Amino acid sequence: MAKQLLLVRHGKSDWGNLDLKDFDRPLNKRGKENAPEMAERLINRGFKFDLMVSSPAKRAKSTAKYFAEAYQVDQIQYEESIYEAGTRALLHVVNQLTDDADTVIMFGHNPGFTDFANELSGADIYNIPTAGMVLISFPFDSWQMVSKGTGQLVFFDYPKNSDEM
């Protein structure tokens, strides 16, 4: 069974309280609207997944929860190392994923996610906007085989994308 990885950048965050640590920054109003909207788009595409993995930072966690609600799933696995991760750390997380899960949604941050999507698939995405998502497929049965250039970009979608399917 081929593997599919959906990278979802967290929704727009709230900068209203500058005393908050970056890790604790919540979603703003638009972030709270975009996340469920993007989850809806996935459902409309007939997209199914086996596992959700998220950065534990508040804005990523909240985004993941909106997707979990839309799909009526309550299991989200939190992975410390996704927060502030570069491509090597993200690849490490992916290589450790359980092979029981063929399709995984991962919630995290830029610039790591944009770089990672491009590195895996050879795509040329300038920037994954907030609440944007990139689906990459791999011709492997095992996540351990995923490495640079082994993926294929299936779709790239984001809230302001008007030519959605």
N, C-alpha and C. Protein backbone atom coordinates (compact mmCIF):
# COMPACT_ATOMS: atom_id res chain seq x y z
N MET A 1 0.84 -1.20 0.00
CA MET A 1 0.00 0.00 0.00
C MET A 1 0.88 1.25 0.00
N ALA A 2 0.64 2.14 -0.93
CA ALA A 2 1.41 3.39 -0.98
C ALA A 2 1.10 4.24 0.25
N LYS A 3 1.99 5.13 0.56
CA LYS A 3 1.79 6.03 1.70
C LYS A 3 1.42 7.43 1.20
N GLN A 4 0.62 8.12 1.99
CA GLN A 4 0.27 9.50 1.67
C GLN A 4 0.47 10.35 2.91
N LEU A 5 1.10 11.50 2.71
CA LEU A 5 1.36 12.43 3.80
C LEU A 5 0.70 13.76 3.46
N LEU A 6 -0.20 14.20 4.34
CA LEU A 6 -0.82 15.51 4.16
C LEU A 6 -0.21 16.45 5.19
N LEU A 7 0.52 17.45 4.69
CA LEU A 7 1.09 18.46 5.58
C LEU A 7 0.10 19.61 5.68
N VAL A 8 -0.27 19.97 6.91
CA VAL A 8 -1.19 21.09 7.11
C VAL A 8 -0.50 22.12 7.99
N ARG A 9 -0.36 23.32 7.44
CA ARG A 9 0.20 24.40 8.27
C ARG A 9 -0.92 24.92 9.16
N HIS A 10 -0.58 25.25 10.39
CA HIS A 10 -1.59 25.74 11.34
C HIS A 10 -2.31 26.98 10.79
N GLY A 11 -3.49 27.23 11.33
CA GLY A 11 -4.26 28.41 10.93
C GLY A 11 -3.59 29.69 11.39
N LYS A 12 -4.12 30.80 10.94
CA LYS A 12 -3.57 32.13 11.25
C LYS A 12 -3.56 32.34 12.77
N SER A 13 -2.43 32.82 13.28
CA SER A 13 -2.34 32.96 14.73
C SER A 13 -2.56 34.40 15.18
N ASP A 14 -2.87 34.50 16.44
CA ASP A 14 -3.24 35.77 17.05
C ASP A 14 -2.01 36.41 17.70
N TRP A 15 -1.69 37.60 17.24
CA TRP A 15 -0.52 38.32 17.79
C TRP A 15 -0.95 39.39 18.78
N GLY A 16 -2.22 39.33 19.22
CA GLY A 16 -2.76 40.36 20.10
C GLY A 16 -2.03 40.48 21.42
N ASN A 17 -1.56 39.37 21.96
CA ASN A 17 -0.88 39.40 23.25
C ASN A 17 0.60 39.12 23.03
N LEU A 18 1.40 40.17 23.03
CA LEU A 18 2.82 40.00 22.72
C LEU A 18 3.62 39.40 23.86
N ASP A 19 2.98 39.27 25.04
CA ASP A 19 3.68 38.64 26.17
C ASP A 19 3.68 37.12 26.04
N LEU A 20 2.80 36.60 25.18
CA LEU A 20 2.72 35.15 25.04
C LEU A 20 3.97 34.61 24.37
N LYS A 21 4.42 33.47 24.85
CA LYS A 21 5.51 32.77 24.16
C LYS A 21 4.98 32.30 22.81
N ASP A 22 5.85 32.20 21.83
CA ASP A 22 5.47 31.76 20.50
C ASP A 22 4.68 30.45 20.56
N PHE A 23 5.15 29.55 21.41
CA PHE A 23 4.56 28.22 21.54
C PHE A 23 3.08 28.29 21.95
N ASP A 24 2.74 29.31 22.73
CA ASP A 24 1.40 29.42 23.33
C ASP A 24 0.44 30.29 22.52
N ARG A 25 0.90 30.79 21.37
CA ARG A 25 0.06 31.70 20.61
C ARG A 25 -1.17 30.97 20.04
N PRO A 26 -2.37 31.53 20.30
CA PRO A 26 -3.60 30.87 19.81
C PRO A 26 -3.93 31.24 18.36
N LEU A 27 -4.97 30.64 17.83
CA LEU A 27 -5.47 31.02 16.51
C LEU A 27 -6.27 32.31 16.65
N ASN A 28 -6.27 33.13 15.60
CA ASN A 28 -7.14 34.30 15.61
C ASN A 28 -8.46 33.93 14.95
N LYS A 29 -9.33 34.91 14.77
CA LYS A 29 -10.67 34.64 14.24
C LYS A 29 -10.58 33.94 12.88
N ARG A 30 -9.72 34.45 12.01
CA ARG A 30 -9.63 33.85 10.69
C ARG A 30 -9.09 32.42 10.75
N GLY A 31 -8.14 32.20 11.65
CA GLY A 31 -7.60 30.86 11.83
C GLY A 31 -8.67 29.87 12.25
N LYS A 32 -9.58 30.37 13.11
CA LYS A 32 -10.67 29.51 13.61
C LYS A 32 -11.71 29.25 12.53
N GLU A 33 -11.77 30.11 11.51
CA GLU A 33 -12.70 29.90 10.40
C GLU A 33 -12.06 29.02 9.33
N ASN A 34 -10.78 29.28 9.04
CA ASN A 34 -10.11 28.57 7.96
C ASN A 34 -9.91 27.08 8.24
N ALA A 35 -9.57 26.76 9.48
CA ALA A 35 -9.26 25.36 9.80
C ALA A 35 -10.45 24.43 9.51
N PRO A 36 -11.64 24.74 10.04
CA PRO A 36 -12.78 23.86 9.73
C PRO A 36 -13.14 23.87 8.24
N GLU A 37 -12.95 25.02 7.60
CA GLU A 37 -13.24 25.13 6.17
C GLU A 37 -12.33 24.20 5.37
N MET A 38 -11.06 24.14 5.73
CA MET A 38 -10.12 23.27 5.01
C MET A 38 -10.42 21.80 5.29
N ALA A 39 -10.83 21.51 6.52
CA ALA A 39 -11.20 20.13 6.86
C ALA A 39 -12.40 19.70 6.02
N GLU A 40 -13.36 20.62 5.87
CA GLU A 40 -14.55 20.38 5.03
C GLU A 40 -14.13 20.05 3.59
N ARG A 41 -13.19 20.82 3.06
CA ARG A 41 -12.73 20.58 1.69
C ARG A 41 -12.18 19.17 1.54
N LEU A 42 -11.44 18.73 2.55
CA LEU A 42 -10.88 17.37 2.50
C LEU A 42 -11.99 16.34 2.49
N ILE A 43 -12.98 16.54 3.34
CA ILE A 43 -14.10 15.61 3.41
C ILE A 43 -14.82 15.58 2.06
N ASN A 44 -14.99 16.75 1.45
CA ASN A 44 -15.65 16.82 0.14
C ASN A 44 -14.86 16.11 -0.95
N ARG A 45 -13.55 16.03 -0.78
CA ARG A 45 -12.72 15.31 -1.75
C ARG A 45 -12.78 13.80 -1.52
N GLY A 46 -13.42 13.40 -0.40
CA GLY A 46 -13.47 11.99 -0.05
C GLY A 46 -12.17 11.52 0.59
N PHE A 47 -11.40 12.48 1.13
CA PHE A 47 -10.11 12.15 1.72
C PHE A 47 -10.28 11.45 3.06
N LYS A 48 -9.58 10.33 3.23
CA LYS A 48 -9.60 9.59 4.50
C LYS A 48 -8.17 9.45 5.00
N PHE A 49 -8.01 9.30 6.30
CA PHE A 49 -6.66 9.14 6.84
C PHE A 49 -6.68 8.15 8.00
N ASP A 50 -5.49 7.70 8.39
CA ASP A 50 -5.37 6.72 9.46
C ASP A 50 -4.81 7.31 10.75
N LEU A 51 -4.12 8.43 10.63
CA LEU A 51 -3.41 8.95 11.80
C LEU A 51 -3.24 10.46 11.68
N MET A 52 -3.38 11.15 12.82
CA MET A 52 -3.10 12.59 12.88
C MET A 52 -1.94 12.81 13.83
N VAL A 53 -0.95 13.56 13.36
CA VAL A 53 0.21 13.87 14.18
C VAL A 53 0.35 15.38 14.18
N SER A 54 0.60 15.97 15.33
CA SER A 54 0.67 17.42 15.39
C SER A 54 1.78 17.93 16.28
N SER A 55 2.26 19.11 15.93
CA SER A 55 3.11 19.87 16.84
C SER A 55 2.27 20.19 18.07
N PRO A 56 2.87 20.19 19.26
CA PRO A 56 2.09 20.51 20.46
C PRO A 56 1.88 22.00 20.67
N ALA A 57 2.43 22.86 19.81
CA ALA A 57 2.22 24.30 19.96
C ALA A 57 0.72 24.59 19.83
N LYS A 58 0.25 25.55 20.59
CA LYS A 58 -1.19 25.78 20.71
C LYS A 58 -1.89 25.97 19.38
N ARG A 59 -1.33 26.77 18.46
CA ARG A 59 -2.02 27.05 17.20
C ARG A 59 -2.09 25.82 16.29
N ALA A 60 -1.08 24.94 16.38
CA ALA A 60 -1.10 23.71 15.58
C ALA A 60 -2.11 22.73 16.19
N LYS A 61 -2.08 22.65 17.51
CA LYS A 61 -3.00 21.78 18.25
C LYS A 61 -4.46 22.14 17.96
N SER A 62 -4.75 23.44 18.01
CA SER A 62 -6.12 23.90 17.75
C SER A 62 -6.54 23.57 16.33
N THR A 63 -5.64 23.76 15.38
CA THR A 63 -5.93 23.46 13.99
C THR A 63 -6.25 21.96 13.86
N ALA A 64 -5.41 21.13 14.47
CA ALA A 64 -5.61 19.68 14.42
C ALA A 64 -6.97 19.31 15.02
N LYS A 65 -7.34 19.99 16.10
CA LYS A 65 -8.62 19.69 16.76
C LYS A 65 -9.81 19.99 15.86
N TYR A 66 -9.72 21.05 15.07
CA TYR A 66 -10.81 21.35 14.13
C TYR A 66 -10.96 20.23 13.10
N PHE A 67 -9.84 19.71 12.62
CA PHE A 67 -9.88 18.60 11.65
C PHE A 67 -10.44 17.35 12.33
N ALA A 68 -10.00 17.11 13.56
CA ALA A 68 -10.47 15.93 14.30
C ALA A 68 -11.99 16.00 14.50
N GLU A 69 -12.48 17.20 14.82
CA GLU A 69 -13.92 17.39 15.01
C GLU A 69 -14.67 17.12 13.72
N ALA A 70 -14.18 17.69 12.63
CA ALA A 70 -14.85 17.52 11.33
C ALA A 70 -14.94 16.04 10.96
N TYR A 71 -13.88 15.30 11.29
CA TYR A 71 -13.83 13.88 10.93
C TYR A 71 -14.37 12.98 12.04
N GLN A 72 -14.75 13.60 13.16
CA GLN A 72 -15.22 12.85 14.33
C GLN A 72 -14.21 11.80 14.78
N VAL A 73 -12.98 12.25 14.90
CA VAL A 73 -11.88 11.41 15.37
C VAL A 73 -11.39 12.04 16.67
N ASP A 74 -10.97 11.25 17.64
CA ASP A 74 -10.48 11.91 18.84
C ASP A 74 -9.01 11.63 19.13
N GLN A 75 -8.36 10.91 18.26
CA GLN A 75 -6.95 10.60 18.50
C GLN A 75 -6.02 11.54 17.73
N ILE A 76 -5.27 12.35 18.46
CA ILE A 76 -4.22 13.15 17.83
C ILE A 76 -2.94 12.83 18.57
N GLN A 77 -1.92 12.48 17.83
CA GLN A 77 -0.63 12.15 18.45
C GLN A 77 0.21 13.42 18.41
N TYR A 78 0.72 13.85 19.59
CA TYR A 78 1.53 15.07 19.62
C TYR A 78 3.00 14.71 19.58
N GLU A 79 3.72 15.41 18.75
CA GLU A 79 5.12 15.11 18.51
C GLU A 79 5.94 16.38 18.74
N GLU A 80 6.61 16.45 19.88
CA GLU A 80 7.40 17.62 20.27
C GLU A 80 8.29 18.14 19.14
N SER A 81 8.94 17.22 18.45
CA SER A 81 9.99 17.63 17.53
C SER A 81 9.47 18.29 16.25
N ILE A 82 8.13 18.33 16.04
CA ILE A 82 7.61 19.02 14.85
C ILE A 82 7.70 20.53 15.04
N TYR A 83 7.60 20.97 16.31
CA TYR A 83 7.65 22.41 16.59
C TYR A 83 9.05 22.93 16.26
N GLU A 84 9.10 24.00 15.44
CA GLU A 84 10.37 24.63 15.03
C GLU A 84 11.29 23.66 14.27
N ALA A 85 10.71 22.63 13.65
CA ALA A 85 11.54 21.64 12.97
C ALA A 85 11.94 22.08 11.57
N GLY A 86 13.15 21.70 11.20
CA GLY A 86 13.59 21.85 9.82
C GLY A 86 13.32 20.55 9.09
N THR A 87 13.79 20.45 7.85
CA THR A 87 13.47 19.27 7.05
C THR A 87 14.02 17.98 7.63
N ARG A 88 15.22 18.02 8.22
CA ARG A 88 15.80 16.78 8.77
C ARG A 88 14.99 16.24 9.92
N ALA A 89 14.58 17.13 10.82
CA ALA A 89 13.79 16.71 11.98
C ALA A 89 12.42 16.18 11.52
N LEU A 90 11.84 16.84 10.52
CA LEU A 90 10.53 16.40 10.02
C LEU A 90 10.63 15.05 9.33
N LEU A 91 11.72 14.85 8.59
CA LEU A 91 11.90 13.55 7.93
C LEU A 91 12.05 12.46 8.98
N HIS A 92 12.74 12.78 10.05
CA HIS A 92 12.91 11.82 11.14
C HIS A 92 11.54 11.41 11.71
N VAL A 93 10.66 12.39 11.91
CA VAL A 93 9.32 12.10 12.42
C VAL A 93 8.58 11.18 11.44
N VAL A 94 8.65 11.50 10.16
CA VAL A 94 7.96 10.70 9.14
C VAL A 94 8.52 9.29 9.08
N ASN A 95 9.83 9.16 9.14
CA ASN A 95 10.45 7.84 9.07
C ASN A 95 10.09 6.96 10.26
N GLN A 96 9.67 7.58 11.36
CA GLN A 96 9.29 6.83 12.56
C GLN A 96 7.81 6.46 12.60
N LEU A 97 7.02 6.95 11.64
CA LEU A 97 5.58 6.70 11.66
C LEU A 97 5.30 5.20 11.56
N THR A 98 4.21 4.79 12.16
CA THR A 98 3.84 3.37 12.12
C THR A 98 3.37 2.99 10.71
N ASP A 99 3.84 1.87 10.21
CA ASP A 99 3.47 1.44 8.86
C ASP A 99 2.02 0.96 8.79
N ASP A 100 1.36 0.81 9.92
CA ASP A 100 -0.07 0.48 9.93
C ASP A 100 -0.87 1.64 9.34
N ALA A 101 -0.33 2.85 9.45
CA ALA A 101 -1.03 4.03 8.94
C ALA A 101 -0.55 4.32 7.51
N ASP A 102 -1.46 4.21 6.55
CA ASP A 102 -1.08 4.49 5.17
C ASP A 102 -1.19 5.96 4.83
N THR A 103 -2.15 6.64 5.45
CA THR A 103 -2.34 8.07 5.18
C THR A 103 -2.27 8.83 6.50
N VAL A 104 -1.37 9.78 6.57
CA VAL A 104 -1.13 10.53 7.80
C VAL A 104 -1.30 12.02 7.54
N ILE A 105 -1.98 12.70 8.45
CA ILE A 105 -2.05 14.17 8.40
C ILE A 105 -1.10 14.69 9.47
N MET A 106 -0.23 15.60 9.07
CA MET A 106 0.71 16.19 10.03
C MET A 106 0.49 17.70 10.10
N PHE A 107 0.33 18.22 11.32
CA PHE A 107 0.09 19.64 11.53
C PHE A 107 1.34 20.30 12.09
N GLY A 108 1.75 21.40 11.47
CA GLY A 108 2.96 22.05 11.96
C GLY A 108 3.13 23.45 11.41
N HIS A 109 4.38 23.82 11.17
CA HIS A 109 4.75 25.23 11.01
C HIS A 109 5.64 25.47 9.79
N ASN A 110 5.65 26.72 9.39
CA ASN A 110 6.63 27.17 8.40
C ASN A 110 7.82 27.75 9.14
N PRO A 111 8.98 27.91 8.52
CA PRO A 111 9.27 27.58 7.13
C PRO A 111 9.48 26.09 6.89
N GLY A 112 9.56 25.31 7.96
CA GLY A 112 9.87 23.88 7.85
C GLY A 112 8.96 23.11 6.91
N PHE A 113 7.65 23.37 7.00
CA PHE A 113 6.71 22.59 6.19
C PHE A 113 6.84 22.87 4.70
N THR A 114 7.03 24.14 4.34
CA THR A 114 7.19 24.47 2.91
C THR A 114 8.46 23.82 2.37
N ASP A 115 9.55 23.96 3.12
CA ASP A 115 10.83 23.37 2.69
C ASP A 115 10.69 21.84 2.57
N PHE A 116 10.01 21.26 3.52
CA PHE A 116 9.85 19.80 3.57
C PHE A 116 9.03 19.31 2.37
N ALA A 117 7.93 20.00 2.08
CA ALA A 117 7.08 19.62 0.94
C ALA A 117 7.89 19.66 -0.35
N ASN A 118 8.67 20.72 -0.51
CA ASN A 118 9.48 20.87 -1.73
C ASN A 118 10.57 19.82 -1.80
N GLU A 119 11.19 19.53 -0.66
CA GLU A 119 12.29 18.57 -0.64
C GLU A 119 11.79 17.15 -0.94
N LEU A 120 10.63 16.80 -0.37
CA LEU A 120 10.10 15.45 -0.58
C LEU A 120 9.64 15.22 -2.01
N SER A 121 9.01 16.24 -2.60
CA SER A 121 8.32 16.03 -3.87
C SER A 121 8.94 16.74 -5.06
N GLY A 122 9.96 17.56 -4.81
CA GLY A 122 10.52 18.34 -5.91
C GLY A 122 9.53 19.39 -6.39
N ALA A 123 8.49 19.67 -5.58
CA ALA A 123 7.52 20.71 -5.95
C ALA A 123 8.22 22.06 -5.82
N ASP A 124 7.59 23.08 -6.34
CA ASP A 124 8.19 24.40 -6.25
C ASP A 124 7.19 25.32 -5.59
N ILE A 125 6.87 25.02 -4.33
CA ILE A 125 5.90 25.82 -3.60
C ILE A 125 6.66 26.93 -2.90
N TYR A 126 6.26 28.17 -3.18
CA TYR A 126 6.97 29.31 -2.61
C TYR A 126 6.69 29.39 -1.11
N ASN A 127 5.43 29.17 -0.75
CA ASN A 127 5.06 29.31 0.65
C ASN A 127 3.72 28.61 0.90
N ILE A 128 3.64 27.78 1.90
CA ILE A 128 2.35 27.20 2.28
C ILE A 128 1.70 28.22 3.21
N PRO A 129 0.60 28.84 2.78
CA PRO A 129 -0.04 29.84 3.64
C PRO A 129 -0.65 29.19 4.89
N THR A 130 -1.06 30.01 5.85
CA THR A 130 -1.69 29.46 7.05
C THR A 130 -2.93 28.67 6.64
N ALA A 131 -3.12 27.53 7.28
CA ALA A 131 -4.20 26.58 7.00
C ALA A 131 -4.08 25.96 5.61
N GLY A 132 -2.94 26.16 4.97
CA GLY A 132 -2.71 25.53 3.67
C GLY A 132 -2.35 24.06 3.86
N MET A 133 -2.57 23.26 2.84
CA MET A 133 -2.26 21.84 2.95
C MET A 133 -1.68 21.30 1.65
N VAL A 134 -0.74 20.37 1.83
CA VAL A 134 -0.05 19.77 0.69
C VAL A 134 -0.12 18.26 0.87
N LEU A 135 -0.62 17.57 -0.16
CA LEU A 135 -0.68 16.11 -0.11
C LEU A 135 0.43 15.54 -0.99
N ILE A 136 1.22 14.66 -0.41
CA ILE A 136 2.33 14.03 -1.13
C ILE A 136 2.16 12.52 -1.02
N SER A 137 2.33 11.82 -2.14
CA SER A 137 2.22 10.36 -2.08
C SER A 137 3.58 9.73 -2.35
N PHE A 138 3.76 8.55 -1.78
CA PHE A 138 5.02 7.81 -1.88
C PHE A 138 4.72 6.38 -2.32
N PRO A 139 5.55 5.80 -3.19
CA PRO A 139 5.28 4.46 -3.70
C PRO A 139 5.80 3.35 -2.79
N PHE A 140 5.78 3.57 -1.48
CA PHE A 140 6.39 2.60 -0.55
C PHE A 140 5.35 2.01 0.40
N ASP A 141 5.70 0.87 1.01
CA ASP A 141 4.85 0.30 2.07
C ASP A 141 5.34 0.76 3.42
N SER A 142 6.53 1.33 3.45
CA SER A 142 7.11 1.70 4.73
C SER A 142 7.52 3.17 4.75
N TRP A 143 7.18 3.83 5.85
CA TRP A 143 7.55 5.24 6.02
C TRP A 143 9.06 5.40 6.10
N GLN A 144 9.76 4.33 6.48
CA GLN A 144 11.22 4.43 6.62
C GLN A 144 11.90 4.69 5.29
N MET A 145 11.21 4.36 4.19
CA MET A 145 11.81 4.52 2.87
C MET A 145 11.65 5.93 2.31
N VAL A 146 10.84 6.74 2.97
CA VAL A 146 10.62 8.11 2.51
C VAL A 146 11.91 8.91 2.68
N SER A 147 12.32 9.57 1.62
CA SER A 147 13.48 10.45 1.70
C SER A 147 13.36 11.52 0.62
N LYS A 148 14.35 12.36 0.54
CA LYS A 148 14.33 13.49 -0.40
C LYS A 148 14.00 13.03 -1.82
N GLY A 149 13.03 13.71 -2.43
CA GLY A 149 12.71 13.45 -3.83
C GLY A 149 11.93 12.18 -4.12
N THR A 150 11.47 11.47 -3.09
CA THR A 150 10.78 10.20 -3.34
C THR A 150 9.26 10.37 -3.45
N GLY A 151 8.77 11.57 -3.16
CA GLY A 151 7.33 11.78 -3.16
C GLY A 151 6.83 12.47 -4.41
N GLN A 152 5.53 12.41 -4.58
CA GLN A 152 4.89 13.09 -5.69
C GLN A 152 3.81 14.00 -5.15
N LEU A 153 3.81 15.26 -5.61
CA LEU A 153 2.81 16.21 -5.17
C LEU A 153 1.46 15.82 -5.76
N VAL A 154 0.45 15.63 -4.89
CA VAL A 154 -0.89 15.27 -5.36
C VAL A 154 -1.73 16.54 -5.46
N PHE A 155 -1.76 17.32 -4.39
CA PHE A 155 -2.41 18.63 -4.47
C PHE A 155 -1.85 19.58 -3.43
N PHE A 156 -2.07 20.87 -3.70
CA PHE A 156 -1.68 21.95 -2.81
C PHE A 156 -2.91 22.84 -2.75
N ASP A 157 -3.46 23.02 -1.55
CA ASP A 157 -4.68 23.82 -1.42
C ASP A 157 -4.53 24.73 -0.21
N TYR A 158 -5.21 25.87 -0.24
CA TYR A 158 -5.13 26.82 0.86
C TYR A 158 -6.38 27.68 0.83
N PRO A 159 -6.70 28.36 1.94
CA PRO A 159 -7.98 29.04 2.05
C PRO A 159 -8.31 29.99 0.89
N LYS A 160 -7.34 30.74 0.40
CA LYS A 160 -7.66 31.72 -0.66
C LYS A 160 -7.59 31.13 -2.06
N ASN A 161 -7.40 29.83 -2.17
CA ASN A 161 -7.32 29.18 -3.47
C ASN A 161 -8.72 29.07 -4.05
N SER A 162 -8.97 29.81 -5.13
CA SER A 162 -10.35 29.84 -5.62
C SER A 162 -10.65 28.71 -6.58
N ASP A 163 -9.62 28.13 -7.20
CA ASP A 163 -9.91 27.06 -8.16
C ASP A 163 -9.91 25.70 -7.48
N GLU A 164 -10.52 25.65 -6.30
CA GLU A 164 -10.59 24.36 -5.61
C GLU A 164 -11.56 23.46 -6.35
N MET A 165 -11.38 22.17 -6.18
CA MET A 165 -12.12 21.19 -6.96
C MET A 165 -13.61 21.22 -6.64
